[in-house]
Protein backbone atom coordinates (compact mmCIF):
# COMPACT_ATOMS: atom_id res chain seq x y z
CA MET A 1 121.22 132.34 61.10
CA VAL A 2 119.10 130.42 63.48
CA PHE A 3 116.26 133.05 62.41
CA TRP A 4 116.87 133.77 58.83
CA SER A 5 113.73 133.16 57.15
CA GLU A 6 112.20 136.12 59.90
CA VAL A 7 114.93 138.09 59.43
CA SER A 8 115.18 137.71 55.51
CA GLY A 9 111.22 139.08 55.16
CA VAL A 10 111.49 142.28 57.23
CA GLU A 11 111.47 145.57 55.44
CA ASN A 12 114.01 148.08 54.54
CA ASN A 13 112.13 151.19 56.58
CA ALA A 14 112.41 153.32 59.06
CA ALA A 15 110.53 151.17 62.17
CA THR A 16 113.05 148.53 61.30
CA TRP A 17 115.76 150.88 61.26
CA ARG A 18 114.63 151.90 64.81
CA GLY A 19 114.57 148.79 65.86
CA LEU A 20 118.02 147.67 65.76
CA TRP A 21 119.11 150.83 67.17
CA MET A 22 117.22 149.84 69.86
CA CYS A 23 118.67 146.13 70.01
CA LEU A 24 121.98 148.34 69.42
CA ILE A 25 121.33 150.14 71.99
CA ALA A 26 119.92 147.79 74.58
CA THR A 27 123.32 144.98 74.01
CA TYR A 28 125.54 148.06 74.55
CA PHE A 29 123.96 148.67 78.19
CA ALA A 30 123.33 145.11 78.73
CA SER A 31 127.32 144.72 78.64
CA ILE A 32 127.65 147.86 80.39
CA GLY A 33 125.81 146.25 83.45
CA ASN A 34 127.95 142.86 83.51
CA ILE A 35 131.28 145.30 83.39
CA ILE A 36 129.70 146.97 86.63
CA SER A 37 128.18 144.18 88.12
CA ALA A 38 131.59 142.44 87.27
CA ARG A 39 133.37 145.23 89.18
CA ASN A 40 130.91 145.80 92.43
CA GLN A 41 131.38 141.60 92.99
CA LYS A 42 135.02 142.49 92.89
CA ASN A 43 133.98 145.22 96.20
CA ALA A 44 132.45 142.72 98.04
CA ILE A 45 128.73 144.12 97.18
CA PRO A 46 126.85 141.67 97.65
CA VAL A 47 124.60 140.34 94.16
CA VAL A 48 120.95 140.01 96.16
CA GLN A 49 121.24 144.08 96.87
CA THR A 50 122.81 145.00 93.60
CA ASN A 51 119.95 142.70 92.23
CA ALA A 52 117.45 144.55 93.84
CA PHE A 53 118.39 148.08 93.44
CA GLY A 54 119.14 147.23 89.46
CA MET A 55 115.77 146.07 89.07
CA ALA A 56 114.40 149.10 91.48
CA TYR A 57 116.12 151.65 89.17
CA GLY A 58 114.32 149.74 85.79
CA ALA A 59 111.57 149.56 87.36
CA LEU A 60 111.46 153.64 88.50
CA ILE A 61 112.31 154.51 84.54
CA MET A 62 109.87 152.08 82.85
CA ALA A 63 107.01 154.19 85.35
CA VAL A 64 108.63 157.23 84.35
CA PHE A 65 108.17 156.17 81.02
CA ALA A 66 104.73 154.77 81.61
CA LEU A 67 103.43 158.21 83.05
CA PHE A 68 104.45 160.23 79.82
CA SER A 69 103.52 157.95 76.99
CA GLN A 70 100.20 158.72 77.96
CA VAL A 71 98.87 155.31 77.81
CA PRO A 72 96.32 154.46 80.09
CA PHE A 73 97.70 151.30 82.55
CA ASN A 74 95.65 148.26 82.06
CA TYR A 75 95.93 144.86 83.54
CA ASP A 76 94.66 141.52 82.72
CA SER A 77 93.24 139.78 86.25
CA ALA A 78 93.30 136.27 84.72
CA ILE A 79 94.56 133.80 86.53
CA ALA A 80 96.87 132.26 83.73
CA TYR A 81 98.26 135.59 83.32
CA SER A 82 99.05 136.58 87.20
CA LEU A 83 100.70 133.27 87.66
CA SER A 84 102.65 133.90 84.60
CA LEU A 85 103.53 137.42 85.84
CA ILE A 86 105.10 135.76 89.12
CA TYR A 87 106.51 132.86 86.90
CA LEU A 88 108.48 135.62 85.12
CA ALA A 89 109.68 138.02 87.82
CA VAL A 90 110.21 135.80 90.89
CA PHE A 91 112.16 132.83 88.05
CA GLY A 92 112.92 134.78 84.68
CA SER A 93 114.36 137.81 86.50
CA ILE A 94 115.17 137.20 90.38
CA LEU A 95 116.95 133.87 90.59
CA ALA A 96 117.73 134.39 87.06
CA PHE A 97 119.59 137.25 87.13
CA GLY A 98 120.69 136.56 90.70
CA SER A 99 122.89 133.41 88.99
CA TYR A 100 124.03 135.26 86.08
CA LEU A 101 125.13 137.79 88.29
CA THR A 102 127.19 135.60 90.44
CA LEU A 103 128.42 133.78 87.22
CA ILE A 104 129.84 137.19 86.30
CA GLY A 105 131.85 137.25 89.53
CA ARG A 106 133.22 133.83 89.69
CA ILE A 107 134.62 133.61 85.85
CA GLY A 108 134.14 136.85 84.79
CA ALA A 109 131.72 138.86 82.75
CA ASP A 110 133.61 137.84 79.19
CA LYS A 111 133.95 134.41 79.67
CA ALA A 112 129.90 134.19 81.45
CA ALA A 113 128.65 136.19 78.06
CA TYR A 114 128.69 133.07 76.60
CA ALA A 115 126.03 132.25 78.02
CA ALA A 116 123.85 134.46 76.10
CA VAL A 117 124.60 132.15 73.33
CA LEU A 118 122.82 129.24 74.92
CA PHE A 119 119.31 131.34 74.93
CA PRO A 120 117.72 130.96 71.64
CA VAL A 121 118.65 127.10 71.86
CA ILE A 122 116.89 126.51 75.32
CA ALA A 123 114.06 128.75 73.72
CA LEU A 124 113.74 126.48 70.81
CA GLY A 125 113.59 123.93 72.33
CA ILE A 126 110.77 125.18 74.21
CA SER A 127 108.95 126.29 71.31
CA THR A 128 109.42 123.06 69.44
CA LEU A 129 107.94 121.15 72.62
CA PHE A 130 104.66 123.67 73.65
CA GLU A 131 103.84 125.34 70.28
CA ASP A 132 105.09 123.05 67.62
CA TYR A 133 108.81 124.70 66.02
CA GLN A 134 109.80 123.10 62.61
CA TRP A 135 113.48 123.18 62.73
CA THR A 136 115.06 123.74 59.31
CA LEU A 137 118.71 122.18 58.67
CA ARG A 138 119.83 125.83 58.86
CA ALA A 139 118.41 126.33 62.86
CA ASP A 140 119.71 122.28 63.65
CA SER A 141 123.21 123.00 62.23
CA VAL A 142 123.59 126.31 64.07
CA GLU A 143 122.18 125.33 67.30
CA LYS A 144 124.18 122.18 67.17
CA LEU A 145 127.41 124.53 66.59
CA SER A 146 126.46 126.52 69.31
CA ILE A 147 126.56 123.93 71.53
CA MET A 148 129.66 122.19 70.86
CA THR A 149 131.81 125.51 70.32
CA ARG A 150 134.47 126.05 73.75
CA PRO A 151 133.93 129.79 74.48
C-alpha cells in the first residue's frame, strides 16, 4: 500500500509476471534461509561461519551465472562507487545479516521476520532525507500502522 502509486502503473505483461514470480521465489528462499539459520543455531553452529558460507555460496552461484550470461565484466573504479560497495559489503551484508541471523537464533525465525516490515519504513525515511521523497497520505498512514502494530 505504501508504494501503490508505483504499483498501480505497472503494465500487465510477461516481464511483469516474470518479475512477480522472481519476487515470490526469492521470498520463499529467504524464508527457507531463516529456518535453516534457526536450525543451525540450535545445533550450535556459529553465525559467523554460516554467514560466511552462505555468502560464499551466493558469490559462487552469481559468478557461474555471470560466466554463462556472456556479459563482459565491468567495474566502475570511481572512489564513490568503490566506497559504497565496501559499505554495502561490510555493513549492509556482513554485519546486517550477522545481526539478523543472531536475532533469528534468539527469538525464532517467525518473530524475526517481522523486522522486514520496518525495512521499507527505514528506506523511505532515508529517501526523505536524501532524495526528497514526498509522503502521500496513504504511505504515511501505512508507515504509522506498521510501526504501531505489535508482532
